[in-house]
Amino acid sequence: MGGVSAERLLRLPVRVHGIELGRPVDLVLDREHTRALGFEVLCRDEKRRFLPLAVATIRENELEIRSPLSLLDEAELVFYTKRGSTFAALRGYGAVRARTMLGELVDLMLAADGTIASLVVATPDGREELDYCADVALVATGSNVRAAS
C-alpha cells in the first residue's frame, strides 16, 4: 500500500514560482471513485477554481504549478464536480466488502497517477489502511450492511 494522503494534499498551498495563489479545499474524484481528477482551490481573490491534478507537481510543502492559467474558472469546477464526486462528499461513507462494514472512510491514499490505491478507515480499534480493489465499495452510512467482527 502507500501513496500520498488526500488529507495531506489538502493542507498544501498552491504556488507558482513560490507565490501562493490559493489553498485546496476539496479533492475532485471521478464518478466511479477510482481516480482523483484535481482540486477545488479557494484562491486569494476568494474565487473557487479547478486545478487538474495532471498539471500540479506535488512537493513536500506545496502543490506547484507552472502558470496561474492552470487554475480553471468556476464553470470548469462545476463541470467536474457535477460529473464526479468529491472527497468531502465521501468522507464518512462506509467501506464495505461482501456486505460487511470494514470501517468509515477518513482518508484516501493516492498513487502517483492519481488512482486511489487504498482507503484509510476508522474502525473500533483505530485507523486501518485497506487496499482499494473491485471487491471494496463505498456506501452511504446507514445502508443495510453488517459490521465486521
N, C-alpha and C. Protein backbone atom coordinates (compact mmCIF):
# COMPACT_ATOMS: atom_id res chain seq x y z
N MET A 1 0.85 -1.17 0.00
CA MET A 1 0.00 0.00 0.00
C MET A 1 0.90 1.23 0.00
N GLY A 2 0.38 2.33 0.38
CA GLY A 2 1.17 3.55 0.38
C GLY A 2 0.60 4.56 -0.58
N GLY A 3 1.39 5.55 -0.90
CA GLY A 3 0.93 6.65 -1.75
C GLY A 3 0.90 7.92 -0.94
N VAL A 4 0.21 8.91 -1.46
CA VAL A 4 0.12 10.20 -0.78
C VAL A 4 -1.30 10.39 -0.26
N SER A 5 -1.41 10.90 0.93
CA SER A 5 -2.69 11.09 1.60
C SER A 5 -3.45 12.28 1.04
N ALA A 6 -4.74 12.09 0.78
CA ALA A 6 -5.60 13.20 0.34
C ALA A 6 -5.63 14.29 1.41
N GLU A 7 -5.71 13.89 2.68
CA GLU A 7 -5.71 14.86 3.78
C GLU A 7 -4.45 15.72 3.75
N ARG A 8 -3.31 15.11 3.49
CA ARG A 8 -2.05 15.85 3.42
C ARG A 8 -2.08 16.83 2.25
N LEU A 9 -2.54 16.37 1.10
CA LEU A 9 -2.59 17.24 -0.08
C LEU A 9 -3.46 18.47 0.16
N LEU A 10 -4.55 18.28 0.90
CA LEU A 10 -5.47 19.39 1.15
C LEU A 10 -4.89 20.43 2.12
N ARG A 11 -3.77 20.12 2.74
CA ARG A 11 -3.10 21.09 3.63
C ARG A 11 -2.00 21.88 2.92
N LEU A 12 -1.70 21.52 1.67
CA LEU A 12 -0.61 22.18 0.94
C LEU A 12 -1.12 23.39 0.16
N PRO A 13 -0.38 24.49 0.17
CA PRO A 13 -0.78 25.64 -0.64
C PRO A 13 -0.49 25.38 -2.12
N VAL A 14 -1.23 26.05 -2.99
CA VAL A 14 -0.97 26.02 -4.43
C VAL A 14 -0.09 27.23 -4.73
N ARG A 15 1.08 26.96 -5.33
CA ARG A 15 2.04 28.04 -5.59
C ARG A 15 2.56 27.98 -7.02
N VAL A 16 2.87 29.15 -7.54
CA VAL A 16 3.58 29.28 -8.80
C VAL A 16 4.82 30.14 -8.52
N HIS A 17 5.99 29.60 -8.79
CA HIS A 17 7.27 30.28 -8.52
C HIS A 17 7.33 30.80 -7.09
N GLY A 18 6.83 30.01 -6.14
CA GLY A 18 6.89 30.36 -4.72
C GLY A 18 5.80 31.30 -4.24
N ILE A 19 4.97 31.80 -5.14
CA ILE A 19 3.89 32.73 -4.78
C ILE A 19 2.61 31.93 -4.56
N GLU A 20 2.03 32.08 -3.38
CA GLU A 20 0.81 31.34 -3.06
C GLU A 20 -0.39 31.94 -3.78
N LEU A 21 -1.10 31.08 -4.53
CA LEU A 21 -2.29 31.50 -5.26
C LEU A 21 -3.57 31.12 -4.54
N GLY A 22 -3.51 30.08 -3.72
CA GLY A 22 -4.70 29.63 -3.02
C GLY A 22 -4.42 28.35 -2.26
N ARG A 23 -5.51 27.80 -1.73
CA ARG A 23 -5.43 26.56 -0.94
C ARG A 23 -6.49 25.59 -1.43
N PRO A 24 -6.13 24.32 -1.57
CA PRO A 24 -7.15 23.33 -1.94
C PRO A 24 -8.14 23.15 -0.78
N VAL A 25 -9.42 23.08 -1.12
CA VAL A 25 -10.44 22.87 -0.10
C VAL A 25 -11.14 21.52 -0.29
N ASP A 26 -10.94 20.89 -1.45
CA ASP A 26 -11.51 19.57 -1.67
C ASP A 26 -10.78 18.90 -2.82
N LEU A 27 -10.91 17.59 -2.86
CA LEU A 27 -10.34 16.77 -3.92
C LEU A 27 -11.49 16.28 -4.78
N VAL A 28 -11.39 16.50 -6.09
CA VAL A 28 -12.44 16.10 -7.03
C VAL A 28 -12.08 14.73 -7.59
N LEU A 29 -13.05 13.81 -7.53
CA LEU A 29 -12.86 12.43 -7.97
C LEU A 29 -13.75 12.11 -9.16
N ASP A 30 -13.39 11.07 -9.90
CA ASP A 30 -14.25 10.63 -10.99
C ASP A 30 -15.52 9.97 -10.43
N ARG A 31 -16.47 9.75 -11.30
CA ARG A 31 -17.77 9.21 -10.90
C ARG A 31 -17.65 7.83 -10.25
N GLU A 32 -16.69 7.03 -10.69
CA GLU A 32 -16.53 5.67 -10.17
C GLU A 32 -15.74 5.62 -8.87
N HIS A 33 -15.25 6.76 -8.40
CA HIS A 33 -14.44 6.85 -7.18
C HIS A 33 -13.16 6.01 -7.30
N THR A 34 -12.52 6.06 -8.47
CA THR A 34 -11.28 5.31 -8.65
C THR A 34 -10.06 6.20 -8.86
N ARG A 35 -10.29 7.48 -9.19
CA ARG A 35 -9.18 8.37 -9.55
C ARG A 35 -9.47 9.80 -9.13
N ALA A 36 -8.42 10.47 -8.65
CA ALA A 36 -8.52 11.90 -8.37
C ALA A 36 -8.32 12.66 -9.68
N LEU A 37 -9.21 13.60 -9.95
CA LEU A 37 -9.12 14.41 -11.16
C LEU A 37 -8.41 15.73 -10.91
N GLY A 38 -8.58 16.26 -9.71
CA GLY A 38 -7.98 17.55 -9.40
C GLY A 38 -8.49 18.09 -8.08
N PHE A 39 -8.29 19.38 -7.90
CA PHE A 39 -8.62 20.04 -6.64
C PHE A 39 -9.58 21.19 -6.85
N GLU A 40 -10.45 21.39 -5.88
CA GLU A 40 -11.18 22.64 -5.78
C GLU A 40 -10.29 23.55 -4.95
N VAL A 41 -9.93 24.69 -5.52
CA VAL A 41 -8.98 25.60 -4.86
C VAL A 41 -9.69 26.91 -4.53
N LEU A 42 -9.56 27.34 -3.29
CA LEU A 42 -10.02 28.67 -2.89
C LEU A 42 -8.84 29.61 -3.09
N CYS A 43 -8.99 30.49 -4.08
CA CYS A 43 -7.89 31.38 -4.45
C CYS A 43 -7.90 32.63 -3.58
N ARG A 44 -6.81 33.36 -3.64
CA ARG A 44 -6.65 34.55 -2.81
C ARG A 44 -7.67 35.64 -3.15
N ASP A 45 -8.24 35.60 -4.35
CA ASP A 45 -9.28 36.57 -4.71
C ASP A 45 -10.67 36.11 -4.27
N GLU A 46 -10.70 35.04 -3.43
CA GLU A 46 -11.92 34.45 -2.86
C GLU A 46 -12.76 33.68 -3.89
N LYS A 47 -12.24 33.45 -5.09
CA LYS A 47 -12.94 32.65 -6.09
C LYS A 47 -12.47 31.21 -5.99
N ARG A 48 -13.38 30.32 -6.31
CA ARG A 48 -13.05 28.89 -6.32
C ARG A 48 -12.76 28.48 -7.76
N ARG A 49 -11.67 27.74 -7.92
CA ARG A 49 -11.25 27.31 -9.24
C ARG A 49 -10.87 25.83 -9.20
N PHE A 50 -10.78 25.24 -10.39
CA PHE A 50 -10.41 23.83 -10.52
C PHE A 50 -8.95 23.74 -10.95
N LEU A 51 -8.20 22.93 -10.22
CA LEU A 51 -6.80 22.65 -10.57
C LEU A 51 -6.70 21.18 -10.95
N PRO A 52 -6.49 20.87 -12.25
CA PRO A 52 -6.32 19.47 -12.64
C PRO A 52 -5.08 18.87 -11.98
N LEU A 53 -5.23 17.68 -11.46
CA LEU A 53 -4.11 17.01 -10.80
C LEU A 53 -2.92 16.85 -11.75
N ALA A 54 -3.21 16.62 -13.03
CA ALA A 54 -2.15 16.38 -14.01
C ALA A 54 -1.20 17.55 -14.19
N VAL A 55 -1.62 18.78 -13.86
CA VAL A 55 -0.74 19.94 -14.05
C VAL A 55 -0.04 20.37 -12.77
N ALA A 56 -0.33 19.70 -11.68
CA ALA A 56 0.28 20.05 -10.39
C ALA A 56 1.43 19.09 -10.09
N THR A 57 2.51 19.64 -9.57
CA THR A 57 3.63 18.84 -9.09
C THR A 57 3.55 18.84 -7.57
N ILE A 58 3.46 17.65 -7.00
CA ILE A 58 3.35 17.54 -5.54
C ILE A 58 4.75 17.61 -4.94
N ARG A 59 4.96 18.66 -4.17
CA ARG A 59 6.23 18.85 -3.47
C ARG A 59 6.00 18.62 -1.98
N GLU A 60 7.06 18.62 -1.21
CA GLU A 60 6.95 18.40 0.24
C GLU A 60 6.06 19.44 0.91
N ASN A 61 6.16 20.70 0.46
CA ASN A 61 5.43 21.77 1.15
C ASN A 61 4.51 22.58 0.25
N GLU A 62 4.20 22.07 -0.96
CA GLU A 62 3.32 22.82 -1.86
C GLU A 62 2.83 21.95 -3.00
N LEU A 63 1.76 22.43 -3.62
CA LEU A 63 1.32 21.93 -4.92
C LEU A 63 1.81 22.98 -5.90
N GLU A 64 2.80 22.62 -6.69
CA GLU A 64 3.43 23.59 -7.59
C GLU A 64 2.79 23.53 -8.97
N ILE A 65 2.50 24.71 -9.51
CA ILE A 65 2.03 24.79 -10.89
C ILE A 65 2.93 25.76 -11.64
N ARG A 66 2.98 25.62 -12.95
CA ARG A 66 3.87 26.46 -13.76
C ARG A 66 3.26 27.82 -14.10
N SER A 67 1.93 27.87 -14.13
CA SER A 67 1.26 29.11 -14.52
C SER A 67 -0.06 29.25 -13.78
N PRO A 68 -0.45 30.48 -13.45
CA PRO A 68 -1.77 30.68 -12.84
C PRO A 68 -2.90 30.28 -13.78
N LEU A 69 -2.60 30.22 -15.08
CA LEU A 69 -3.62 29.82 -16.06
C LEU A 69 -4.01 28.35 -15.92
N SER A 70 -3.24 27.60 -15.14
CA SER A 70 -3.58 26.20 -14.86
C SER A 70 -4.83 26.09 -13.99
N LEU A 71 -5.14 27.15 -13.27
CA LEU A 71 -6.35 27.18 -12.43
C LEU A 71 -7.53 27.55 -13.30
N LEU A 72 -8.44 26.60 -13.49
CA LEU A 72 -9.58 26.81 -14.38
C LEU A 72 -10.72 27.48 -13.64
N ASP A 73 -11.53 28.23 -14.36
CA ASP A 73 -12.57 29.03 -13.70
C ASP A 73 -13.69 28.16 -13.13
N GLU A 74 -14.61 28.81 -12.46
CA GLU A 74 -15.66 28.12 -11.71
C GLU A 74 -16.54 27.24 -12.58
N ALA A 75 -16.74 27.61 -13.85
CA ALA A 75 -17.56 26.78 -14.75
C ALA A 75 -16.94 25.39 -14.91
N GLU A 76 -15.62 25.33 -15.04
CA GLU A 76 -14.95 24.03 -15.15
C GLU A 76 -15.01 23.26 -13.84
N LEU A 77 -14.91 23.97 -12.73
CA LEU A 77 -15.05 23.33 -11.42
C LEU A 77 -16.42 22.67 -11.31
N VAL A 78 -17.46 23.39 -11.68
CA VAL A 78 -18.82 22.85 -11.65
C VAL A 78 -18.93 21.64 -12.58
N PHE A 79 -18.35 21.74 -13.77
CA PHE A 79 -18.38 20.64 -14.73
C PHE A 79 -17.84 19.35 -14.11
N TYR A 80 -16.67 19.43 -13.48
CA TYR A 80 -16.05 18.23 -12.92
C TYR A 80 -16.77 17.73 -11.67
N THR A 81 -17.21 18.62 -10.81
CA THR A 81 -17.86 18.16 -9.58
C THR A 81 -19.23 17.57 -9.86
N LYS A 82 -19.95 18.08 -10.86
CA LYS A 82 -21.27 17.52 -11.19
C LYS A 82 -21.15 16.15 -11.85
N ARG A 83 -20.08 15.91 -12.56
CA ARG A 83 -19.91 14.64 -13.26
C ARG A 83 -19.11 13.63 -12.44
N GLY A 84 -18.65 14.04 -11.30
CA GLY A 84 -17.87 13.15 -10.44
C GLY A 84 -18.36 13.23 -9.02
N SER A 85 -17.42 13.27 -8.12
CA SER A 85 -17.72 13.35 -6.70
C SER A 85 -16.57 14.11 -6.04
N THR A 86 -16.68 14.30 -4.75
CA THR A 86 -15.60 14.96 -4.02
C THR A 86 -15.25 14.12 -2.79
N PHE A 87 -14.04 14.32 -2.33
CA PHE A 87 -13.60 13.63 -1.12
C PHE A 87 -14.48 14.03 0.06
N ALA A 88 -14.82 15.30 0.16
CA ALA A 88 -15.67 15.76 1.27
C ALA A 88 -17.02 15.05 1.26
N ALA A 89 -17.57 14.80 0.07
CA ALA A 89 -18.87 14.12 -0.02
C ALA A 89 -18.76 12.66 0.40
N LEU A 90 -17.60 12.04 0.20
CA LEU A 90 -17.43 10.62 0.52
C LEU A 90 -16.93 10.37 1.94
N ARG A 91 -16.32 11.39 2.55
CA ARG A 91 -15.80 11.21 3.91
C ARG A 91 -16.95 10.79 4.82
N GLY A 92 -16.74 9.75 5.59
CA GLY A 92 -17.78 9.22 6.46
C GLY A 92 -18.55 8.07 5.84
N TYR A 93 -18.39 7.85 4.53
CA TYR A 93 -19.02 6.69 3.90
C TYR A 93 -18.43 5.42 4.49
N GLY A 94 -19.17 4.34 4.39
CA GLY A 94 -18.67 3.05 4.84
C GLY A 94 -17.91 2.34 3.75
N ALA A 95 -16.81 1.69 4.12
CA ALA A 95 -16.09 0.81 3.21
C ALA A 95 -16.64 -0.59 3.47
N VAL A 96 -17.13 -1.22 2.41
CA VAL A 96 -17.85 -2.49 2.55
C VAL A 96 -17.24 -3.54 1.63
N ARG A 97 -17.11 -4.75 2.15
CA ARG A 97 -16.70 -5.91 1.35
C ARG A 97 -17.67 -7.04 1.68
N ALA A 98 -18.29 -7.61 0.67
CA ALA A 98 -19.24 -8.72 0.84
C ALA A 98 -20.29 -8.39 1.91
N ARG A 99 -20.87 -7.20 1.81
CA ARG A 99 -21.92 -6.71 2.71
C ARG A 99 -21.47 -6.60 4.16
N THR A 100 -20.15 -6.56 4.37
CA THR A 100 -19.60 -6.40 5.71
C THR A 100 -18.93 -5.03 5.81
N MET A 101 -19.33 -4.25 6.79
CA MET A 101 -18.75 -2.93 7.00
C MET A 101 -17.33 -3.08 7.56
N LEU A 102 -16.35 -2.51 6.86
CA LEU A 102 -14.96 -2.59 7.28
C LEU A 102 -14.54 -1.38 8.10
N GLY A 103 -15.23 -0.27 7.91
CA GLY A 103 -14.91 0.96 8.63
C GLY A 103 -15.45 2.16 7.89
N GLU A 104 -15.27 3.33 8.51
CA GLU A 104 -15.77 4.59 7.96
C GLU A 104 -14.61 5.35 7.31
N LEU A 105 -14.81 5.79 6.07
CA LEU A 105 -13.76 6.46 5.31
C LEU A 105 -13.30 7.75 5.99
N VAL A 106 -11.98 7.86 6.22
CA VAL A 106 -11.41 9.08 6.79
C VAL A 106 -10.33 9.68 5.89
N ASP A 107 -9.74 8.88 4.99
CA ASP A 107 -8.71 9.40 4.11
C ASP A 107 -8.57 8.49 2.90
N LEU A 108 -7.97 9.02 1.84
CA LEU A 108 -7.65 8.27 0.64
C LEU A 108 -6.15 8.33 0.43
N MET A 109 -5.58 7.24 -0.04
CA MET A 109 -4.17 7.23 -0.40
C MET A 109 -4.11 7.14 -1.93
N LEU A 110 -3.43 8.11 -2.54
CA LEU A 110 -3.37 8.19 -3.99
C LEU A 110 -2.04 7.71 -4.52
N ALA A 111 -2.09 6.95 -5.62
CA ALA A 111 -0.87 6.56 -6.33
C ALA A 111 -0.39 7.77 -7.13
N ALA A 112 0.81 7.68 -7.69
CA ALA A 112 1.41 8.80 -8.43
C ALA A 112 0.55 9.25 -9.61
N ASP A 113 -0.20 8.33 -10.21
CA ASP A 113 -1.04 8.69 -11.36
C ASP A 113 -2.43 9.18 -10.96
N GLY A 114 -2.68 9.31 -9.66
CA GLY A 114 -3.97 9.82 -9.19
C GLY A 114 -4.99 8.75 -8.88
N THR A 115 -4.70 7.49 -9.18
CA THR A 115 -5.65 6.44 -8.83
C THR A 115 -5.68 6.26 -7.32
N ILE A 116 -6.83 5.86 -6.83
CA ILE A 116 -6.97 5.62 -5.40
C ILE A 116 -6.38 4.24 -5.12
N ALA A 117 -5.26 4.22 -4.40
CA ALA A 117 -4.55 2.97 -4.11
C ALA A 117 -5.15 2.27 -2.90
N SER A 118 -5.51 3.06 -1.89
CA SER A 118 -6.05 2.47 -0.67
C SER A 118 -6.94 3.47 0.05
N LEU A 119 -7.72 2.93 0.97
CA LEU A 119 -8.62 3.72 1.80
C LEU A 119 -8.11 3.67 3.23
N VAL A 120 -8.24 4.77 3.93
CA VAL A 120 -7.97 4.76 5.37
C VAL A 120 -9.33 4.87 6.03
N VAL A 121 -9.64 3.88 6.87
CA VAL A 121 -10.95 3.83 7.51
C VAL A 121 -10.79 3.85 9.03
N ALA A 122 -11.81 4.39 9.67
CA ALA A 122 -11.87 4.36 11.14
C ALA A 122 -12.63 3.11 11.54
N THR A 123 -12.03 2.35 12.45
CA THR A 123 -12.66 1.15 12.98
C THR A 123 -12.72 1.30 14.50
N PRO A 124 -13.43 0.41 15.18
CA PRO A 124 -13.44 0.48 16.65
C PRO A 124 -12.04 0.35 17.26
N ASP A 125 -11.11 -0.26 16.51
CA ASP A 125 -9.74 -0.45 17.01
C ASP A 125 -8.77 0.63 16.54
N GLY A 126 -9.25 1.65 15.85
CA GLY A 126 -8.38 2.72 15.34
C GLY A 126 -8.44 2.79 13.82
N ARG A 127 -7.46 3.45 13.24
CA ARG A 127 -7.41 3.59 11.78
C ARG A 127 -6.77 2.37 11.14
N GLU A 128 -7.27 2.04 9.95
CA GLU A 128 -6.72 0.91 9.21
C GLU A 128 -6.67 1.29 7.74
N GLU A 129 -5.59 0.92 7.06
CA GLU A 129 -5.46 1.16 5.63
C GLU A 129 -5.85 -0.11 4.89
N LEU A 130 -6.75 0.03 3.91
CA LEU A 130 -7.25 -1.11 3.14
C LEU A 130 -6.93 -0.93 1.67
N ASP A 131 -6.48 -1.99 1.00
CA ASP A 131 -6.35 -1.94 -0.45
C ASP A 131 -7.71 -1.60 -1.04
N TYR A 132 -7.72 -0.72 -2.03
CA TYR A 132 -8.97 -0.34 -2.69
C TYR A 132 -9.05 -1.11 -3.99
N CYS A 133 -9.81 -2.18 -3.98
CA CYS A 133 -9.92 -3.03 -5.16
C CYS A 133 -11.39 -3.28 -5.47
N ALA A 134 -11.65 -4.05 -6.50
CA ALA A 134 -13.00 -4.24 -7.01
C ALA A 134 -13.98 -4.79 -5.97
N ASP A 135 -13.49 -5.52 -4.97
CA ASP A 135 -14.43 -6.11 -4.01
C ASP A 135 -14.74 -5.19 -2.83
N VAL A 136 -14.20 -3.96 -2.84
CA VAL A 136 -14.50 -2.99 -1.78
C VAL A 136 -15.34 -1.87 -2.38
N ALA A 137 -16.45 -1.56 -1.72
CA ALA A 137 -17.34 -0.50 -2.19
C ALA A 137 -17.48 0.56 -1.10
N LEU A 138 -17.75 1.78 -1.54
CA LEU A 138 -18.06 2.87 -0.61
C LEU A 138 -19.57 3.08 -0.64
N VAL A 139 -20.19 3.03 0.53
CA VAL A 139 -21.64 3.18 0.63
C VAL A 139 -21.98 4.21 1.70
N ALA A 140 -23.09 4.89 1.49
CA ALA A 140 -23.55 5.85 2.49
C ALA A 140 -23.81 5.13 3.80
N THR A 141 -23.44 5.76 4.90
CA THR A 141 -23.69 5.13 6.20
C THR A 141 -25.19 4.99 6.40
N GLY A 142 -25.57 3.98 7.12
CA GLY A 142 -26.98 3.68 7.31
C GLY A 142 -27.49 2.67 6.30
N SER A 143 -26.61 2.23 5.36
CA SER A 143 -27.01 1.21 4.40
C SER A 143 -27.16 -0.13 5.11
N ASN A 144 -27.79 -1.06 4.46
CA ASN A 144 -28.08 -2.36 5.06
C ASN A 144 -26.87 -3.29 4.96
N VAL A 145 -25.86 -3.05 5.82
CA VAL A 145 -24.68 -3.91 5.88
C VAL A 145 -24.41 -4.24 7.34
N ARG A 146 -23.64 -5.28 7.57
CA ARG A 146 -23.33 -5.65 8.96
C ARG A 146 -21.88 -5.29 9.26
N ALA A 147 -21.62 -4.99 10.51
CA ALA A 147 -20.28 -4.61 10.94
C ALA A 147 -19.36 -5.82 10.92
N ALA A 148 -18.08 -5.56 10.60
CA ALA A 148 -17.09 -6.64 10.63
C ALA A 148 -16.89 -7.09 12.06
N SER A 149 -16.68 -8.40 12.23
CA SER A 149 -16.46 -8.91 13.60
C SER A 149 -15.09 -9.52 13.72
